[in-house]
Amino acid sequence: MKKIEAIIKPFKLDEVKEALQEVGLQGITVIEAKGFGRQKGHTELYRGAEYVVDFLPKVKVEVILAEDQVDDAVEAIQKAAQTGRIGDGKIFISTVEQAIRIRTGETGNDAI
């Protein structure tokens, strides 16, 4: 099993969700997040005063899936989340040792 964590722009969430559903993934977890990468935030003007926004709003999407689904899922996220502009986000893939469904006690791929 693998875990995909994707940090994306908030307005791309619906597109990413639909793309993942199209490749056959059923469940995702979404976490609101704030952060910055190379873009280092930006300056905004509010009522005549300038202020720096260090942490930009982001969304973290987490998906646990079988190893044979990883390539399709990553491709779907990339295509759906890409705007071509700085700050599109990142995708991280890691190994999951075990998954357990609390309600039934199912383990492994059956639990996801």
N, C-alpha and C. Protein backbone atom coordinates (compact mmCIF):
# COMPACT_ATOMS: atom_id res chain seq x y z
N MET A 1 0.84 -1.18 0.00
CA MET A 1 0.00 0.00 0.00
C MET A 1 0.88 1.24 0.00
N LYS A 2 0.36 2.29 -0.59
CA LYS A 2 1.08 3.56 -0.67
C LYS A 2 0.19 4.69 -0.16
N LYS A 3 0.84 5.75 0.27
CA LYS A 3 0.14 6.96 0.69
C LYS A 3 0.60 8.10 -0.21
N ILE A 4 -0.35 8.77 -0.83
CA ILE A 4 -0.05 9.95 -1.64
C ILE A 4 -0.52 11.17 -0.87
N GLU A 5 0.40 12.11 -0.68
CA GLU A 5 0.07 13.39 -0.06
C GLU A 5 0.31 14.46 -1.12
N ALA A 6 -0.71 15.21 -1.43
CA ALA A 6 -0.57 16.26 -2.43
C ALA A 6 -0.94 17.60 -1.80
N ILE A 7 -0.04 18.56 -1.92
CA ILE A 7 -0.30 19.92 -1.45
C ILE A 7 -0.68 20.72 -2.69
N ILE A 8 -1.90 21.24 -2.72
CA ILE A 8 -2.40 21.91 -3.92
C ILE A 8 -3.04 23.25 -3.57
N LYS A 9 -3.35 24.02 -4.61
CA LYS A 9 -4.08 25.27 -4.42
C LYS A 9 -5.54 24.95 -4.10
N PRO A 10 -6.14 25.68 -3.16
CA PRO A 10 -7.50 25.36 -2.73
C PRO A 10 -8.54 25.32 -3.84
N PHE A 11 -8.45 26.20 -4.82
CA PHE A 11 -9.46 26.24 -5.87
C PHE A 11 -9.36 25.07 -6.84
N LYS A 12 -8.32 24.25 -6.71
CA LYS A 12 -8.16 23.08 -7.56
C LYS A 12 -8.70 21.80 -6.91
N LEU A 13 -9.21 21.90 -5.69
CA LEU A 13 -9.64 20.72 -4.95
C LEU A 13 -10.73 19.93 -5.67
N ASP A 14 -11.76 20.60 -6.16
CA ASP A 14 -12.85 19.89 -6.84
C ASP A 14 -12.36 19.14 -8.07
N GLU A 15 -11.48 19.77 -8.83
CA GLU A 15 -10.94 19.12 -10.03
C GLU A 15 -10.12 17.88 -9.67
N VAL A 16 -9.32 17.98 -8.60
CA VAL A 16 -8.51 16.86 -8.16
C VAL A 16 -9.41 15.73 -7.66
N LYS A 17 -10.42 16.07 -6.89
CA LYS A 17 -11.35 15.07 -6.36
C LYS A 17 -12.03 14.31 -7.50
N GLU A 18 -12.52 15.04 -8.50
CA GLU A 18 -13.17 14.40 -9.65
C GLU A 18 -12.19 13.53 -10.43
N ALA A 19 -10.96 14.00 -10.60
CA ALA A 19 -9.96 13.23 -11.34
C ALA A 19 -9.64 11.93 -10.61
N LEU A 20 -9.55 11.97 -9.30
CA LEU A 20 -9.28 10.76 -8.53
C LEU A 20 -10.46 9.79 -8.59
N GLN A 21 -11.67 10.31 -8.59
CA GLN A 21 -12.84 9.45 -8.71
C GLN A 21 -12.87 8.78 -10.08
N GLU A 22 -12.45 9.48 -11.11
CA GLU A 22 -12.43 8.92 -12.46
C GLU A 22 -11.46 7.76 -12.60
N VAL A 23 -10.37 7.77 -11.81
CA VAL A 23 -9.42 6.65 -11.88
C VAL A 23 -9.76 5.55 -10.88
N GLY A 24 -10.90 5.68 -10.21
CA GLY A 24 -11.39 4.60 -9.38
C GLY A 24 -11.08 4.66 -7.90
N LEU A 25 -10.61 5.80 -7.42
CA LEU A 25 -10.34 5.93 -5.98
C LEU A 25 -11.60 6.40 -5.26
N GLN A 26 -11.89 5.76 -4.13
CA GLN A 26 -13.13 6.04 -3.44
C GLN A 26 -13.00 7.07 -2.33
N GLY A 27 -11.96 6.99 -1.53
CA GLY A 27 -11.87 7.86 -0.37
C GLY A 27 -10.63 8.73 -0.37
N ILE A 28 -10.82 9.98 0.02
CA ILE A 28 -9.68 10.88 0.20
C ILE A 28 -9.88 11.65 1.51
N THR A 29 -8.79 12.13 2.05
CA THR A 29 -8.83 13.00 3.23
C THR A 29 -8.31 14.35 2.80
N VAL A 30 -9.00 15.41 3.21
CA VAL A 30 -8.61 16.77 2.84
C VAL A 30 -8.36 17.57 4.11
N ILE A 31 -7.22 18.23 4.14
CA ILE A 31 -6.83 19.04 5.30
C ILE A 31 -6.50 20.44 4.81
N GLU A 32 -7.09 21.45 5.44
CA GLU A 32 -6.73 22.82 5.11
C GLU A 32 -5.36 23.11 5.71
N ALA A 33 -4.51 23.74 4.92
CA ALA A 33 -3.14 23.99 5.38
C ALA A 33 -2.69 25.38 4.95
N LYS A 34 -1.60 25.82 5.53
CA LYS A 34 -0.96 27.07 5.13
C LYS A 34 0.52 26.79 5.00
N GLY A 35 1.16 27.42 4.04
CA GLY A 35 2.59 27.22 3.88
C GLY A 35 3.15 28.05 2.75
N PHE A 36 4.44 27.86 2.51
CA PHE A 36 5.08 28.52 1.38
C PHE A 36 6.27 27.70 0.94
N GLY A 37 6.63 27.87 -0.31
CA GLY A 37 7.80 27.22 -0.87
C GLY A 37 8.71 28.29 -1.42
N ARG A 38 9.08 28.14 -2.67
CA ARG A 38 9.98 29.11 -3.29
C ARG A 38 9.34 30.48 -3.43
N GLN A 39 8.02 30.53 -3.49
CA GLN A 39 7.36 31.81 -3.72
C GLN A 39 7.43 32.73 -2.51
N LYS A 40 7.69 32.18 -1.32
CA LYS A 40 7.91 32.95 -0.09
C LYS A 40 6.79 33.93 0.25
N GLY A 41 5.56 33.64 -0.07
CA GLY A 41 4.46 34.53 0.26
C GLY A 41 4.40 35.71 -0.67
N HIS A 42 3.62 36.71 -0.29
CA HIS A 42 3.50 37.91 -1.11
C HIS A 42 3.03 39.09 -0.26
N THR A 43 3.09 40.29 -0.84
CA THR A 43 2.67 41.50 -0.15
C THR A 43 1.29 41.90 -0.63
N GLU A 44 0.41 42.28 0.31
CA GLU A 44 -0.93 42.73 -0.04
C GLU A 44 -1.15 44.12 0.53
N LEU A 45 -2.13 44.81 -0.05
CA LEU A 45 -2.48 46.15 0.40
C LEU A 45 -3.87 46.08 1.01
N TYR A 46 -4.03 46.52 2.26
CA TYR A 46 -5.33 46.50 2.92
C TYR A 46 -5.56 47.85 3.58
N ARG A 47 -6.57 48.57 3.13
CA ARG A 47 -6.90 49.91 3.65
C ARG A 47 -5.69 50.82 3.68
N GLY A 48 -4.93 50.79 2.61
CA GLY A 48 -3.79 51.68 2.47
C GLY A 48 -2.52 51.21 3.14
N ALA A 49 -2.58 50.10 3.87
CA ALA A 49 -1.37 49.62 4.56
C ALA A 49 -0.90 48.33 3.89
N GLU A 50 0.41 48.26 3.66
CA GLU A 50 0.99 47.04 3.09
C GLU A 50 1.29 46.05 4.21
N TYR A 51 1.03 44.79 3.93
CA TYR A 51 1.44 43.76 4.88
C TYR A 51 1.84 42.51 4.12
N VAL A 52 2.70 41.71 4.73
CA VAL A 52 3.25 40.52 4.09
C VAL A 52 2.43 39.30 4.50
N VAL A 53 2.03 38.52 3.52
CA VAL A 53 1.35 37.26 3.78
C VAL A 53 2.41 36.18 3.60
N ASP A 54 2.93 35.66 4.73
CA ASP A 54 3.99 34.65 4.69
C ASP A 54 3.46 33.28 4.31
N PHE A 55 2.36 32.90 4.93
CA PHE A 55 1.81 31.57 4.71
C PHE A 55 0.59 31.66 3.82
N LEU A 56 0.67 30.99 2.68
CA LEU A 56 -0.41 31.01 1.72
C LEU A 56 -1.36 29.85 1.97
N PRO A 57 -2.65 30.04 1.71
CA PRO A 57 -3.60 28.95 1.92
C PRO A 57 -3.36 27.82 0.92
N LYS A 58 -3.34 26.61 1.42
CA LYS A 58 -3.16 25.41 0.61
C LYS A 58 -4.13 24.35 1.09
N VAL A 59 -4.25 23.28 0.34
CA VAL A 59 -5.05 22.13 0.73
C VAL A 59 -4.16 20.90 0.60
N LYS A 60 -4.20 20.05 1.62
CA LYS A 60 -3.44 18.80 1.58
C LYS A 60 -4.43 17.66 1.37
N VAL A 61 -4.22 16.92 0.29
CA VAL A 61 -5.07 15.78 -0.04
C VAL A 61 -4.27 14.51 0.25
N GLU A 62 -4.86 13.61 1.03
CA GLU A 62 -4.20 12.34 1.35
C GLU A 62 -5.03 11.19 0.82
N VAL A 63 -4.35 10.23 0.19
CA VAL A 63 -5.01 9.06 -0.36
C VAL A 63 -4.16 7.84 -0.03
N ILE A 64 -4.78 6.79 0.48
CA ILE A 64 -4.11 5.51 0.70
C ILE A 64 -4.65 4.56 -0.37
N LEU A 65 -3.74 3.89 -1.08
CA LEU A 65 -4.19 3.05 -2.19
C LEU A 65 -3.26 1.88 -2.43
N ALA A 66 -3.71 0.98 -3.27
CA ALA A 66 -2.89 -0.17 -3.64
C ALA A 66 -1.76 0.30 -4.57
N GLU A 67 -0.64 -0.39 -4.53
CA GLU A 67 0.53 0.04 -5.31
C GLU A 67 0.25 0.13 -6.80
N ASP A 68 -0.63 -0.72 -7.33
CA ASP A 68 -0.90 -0.71 -8.77
C ASP A 68 -1.75 0.49 -9.20
N GLN A 69 -2.25 1.27 -8.27
CA GLN A 69 -3.06 2.45 -8.60
C GLN A 69 -2.26 3.75 -8.54
N VAL A 70 -1.03 3.69 -8.04
CA VAL A 70 -0.26 4.90 -7.76
C VAL A 70 -0.02 5.75 -9.01
N ASP A 71 0.45 5.14 -10.09
CA ASP A 71 0.77 5.91 -11.29
C ASP A 71 -0.45 6.66 -11.83
N ASP A 72 -1.59 5.97 -11.89
CA ASP A 72 -2.82 6.61 -12.39
C ASP A 72 -3.24 7.76 -11.48
N ALA A 73 -3.14 7.56 -10.18
CA ALA A 73 -3.56 8.59 -9.23
C ALA A 73 -2.65 9.81 -9.31
N VAL A 74 -1.34 9.58 -9.37
CA VAL A 74 -0.39 10.70 -9.46
C VAL A 74 -0.62 11.50 -10.74
N GLU A 75 -0.81 10.80 -11.84
CA GLU A 75 -1.06 11.48 -13.11
C GLU A 75 -2.36 12.29 -13.04
N ALA A 76 -3.39 11.74 -12.43
CA ALA A 76 -4.66 12.45 -12.30
C ALA A 76 -4.51 13.71 -11.46
N ILE A 77 -3.78 13.61 -10.35
CA ILE A 77 -3.56 14.78 -9.50
C ILE A 77 -2.76 15.84 -10.23
N GLN A 78 -1.69 15.41 -10.91
CA GLN A 78 -0.85 16.36 -11.63
C GLN A 78 -1.64 17.14 -12.67
N LYS A 79 -2.40 16.43 -13.48
CA LYS A 79 -3.17 17.09 -14.55
C LYS A 79 -4.23 18.02 -13.99
N ALA A 80 -4.91 17.59 -12.93
CA ALA A 80 -6.01 18.38 -12.37
C ALA A 80 -5.52 19.60 -11.59
N ALA A 81 -4.37 19.49 -10.93
CA ALA A 81 -3.90 20.56 -10.05
C ALA A 81 -3.01 21.57 -10.76
N GLN A 82 -2.54 21.25 -11.94
CA GLN A 82 -1.56 22.11 -12.61
C GLN A 82 -2.20 23.36 -13.20
N THR A 83 -1.62 24.52 -12.87
CA THR A 83 -2.02 25.77 -13.51
C THR A 83 -0.89 26.31 -14.37
N GLY A 84 0.33 25.80 -14.14
CA GLY A 84 1.49 26.31 -14.87
C GLY A 84 2.14 27.50 -14.20
N ARG A 85 1.62 27.87 -13.04
CA ARG A 85 2.17 29.03 -12.33
C ARG A 85 2.85 28.57 -11.04
N ILE A 86 3.68 29.41 -10.49
CA ILE A 86 4.40 29.08 -9.27
C ILE A 86 3.40 28.80 -8.14
N GLY A 87 3.72 27.83 -7.29
CA GLY A 87 2.85 27.50 -6.16
C GLY A 87 1.81 26.43 -6.45
N ASP A 88 1.95 25.72 -7.57
CA ASP A 88 0.99 24.65 -7.90
C ASP A 88 1.02 23.53 -6.87
N GLY A 89 2.13 23.33 -6.19
CA GLY A 89 2.18 22.36 -5.10
C GLY A 89 3.16 21.23 -5.32
N LYS A 90 3.03 20.21 -4.49
CA LYS A 90 3.92 19.06 -4.52
C LYS A 90 3.12 17.79 -4.27
N ILE A 91 3.69 16.67 -4.71
CA ILE A 91 3.11 15.35 -4.45
C ILE A 91 4.19 14.51 -3.77
N PHE A 92 3.83 13.87 -2.65
CA PHE A 92 4.74 13.00 -1.93
C PHE A 92 4.13 11.60 -1.90
N ILE A 93 4.96 10.59 -2.09
CA ILE A 93 4.50 9.20 -2.07
C ILE A 93 5.32 8.45 -1.03
N SER A 94 4.63 7.74 -0.14
CA SER A 94 5.33 6.96 0.87
C SER A 94 4.67 5.59 1.03
N THR A 95 5.36 4.69 1.68
CA THR A 95 4.86 3.34 1.88
C THR A 95 4.06 3.27 3.18
N VAL A 96 2.94 2.55 3.12
CA VAL A 96 2.11 2.32 4.30
C VAL A 96 2.27 0.85 4.68
N GLU A 97 2.67 0.61 5.90
CA GLU A 97 2.91 -0.77 6.34
C GLU A 97 1.63 -1.53 6.60
N GLN A 98 0.64 -0.89 7.19
CA GLN A 98 -0.58 -1.58 7.55
C GLN A 98 -1.75 -0.62 7.60
N ALA A 99 -2.93 -1.11 7.26
CA ALA A 99 -4.18 -0.35 7.39
C ALA A 99 -5.19 -1.28 8.05
N ILE A 100 -5.98 -0.72 8.95
CA ILE A 100 -7.00 -1.51 9.66
C ILE A 100 -8.30 -0.72 9.65
N ARG A 101 -9.36 -1.36 9.19
CA ARG A 101 -10.69 -0.73 9.26
C ARG A 101 -11.22 -0.99 10.67
N ILE A 102 -11.49 0.06 11.41
CA ILE A 102 -11.90 -0.06 12.80
C ILE A 102 -13.22 -0.82 12.94
N ARG A 103 -14.19 -0.52 12.11
CA ARG A 103 -15.52 -1.12 12.24
C ARG A 103 -15.51 -2.63 12.10
N THR A 104 -14.78 -3.14 11.08
CA THR A 104 -14.85 -4.58 10.79
C THR A 104 -13.58 -5.36 11.17
N GLY A 105 -12.49 -4.65 11.41
CA GLY A 105 -11.24 -5.33 11.70
C GLY A 105 -10.49 -5.77 10.47
N GLU A 106 -10.99 -5.44 9.26
CA GLU A 106 -10.30 -5.81 8.04
C GLU A 106 -8.93 -5.15 8.01
N THR A 107 -7.96 -5.82 7.39
CA THR A 107 -6.61 -5.28 7.31
C THR A 107 -6.11 -5.24 5.89
N GLY A 108 -5.01 -4.52 5.68
CA GLY A 108 -4.37 -4.45 4.36
C GLY A 108 -5.26 -3.76 3.33
N ASN A 109 -5.17 -4.23 2.08
CA ASN A 109 -5.93 -3.63 0.99
C ASN A 109 -7.44 -3.72 1.22
N ASP A 110 -7.90 -4.73 1.95
CA ASP A 110 -9.33 -4.84 2.26
C ASP A 110 -9.82 -3.68 3.11
N ALA A 111 -8.94 -3.11 3.89
CA ALA A 111 -9.31 -2.01 4.78
C ALA A 111 -9.45 -0.69 4.04
N ILE A 112 -8.83 -0.59 2.87
CA ILE A 112 -8.94 0.66 2.13
C ILE A 112 -9.99 0.51 1.06
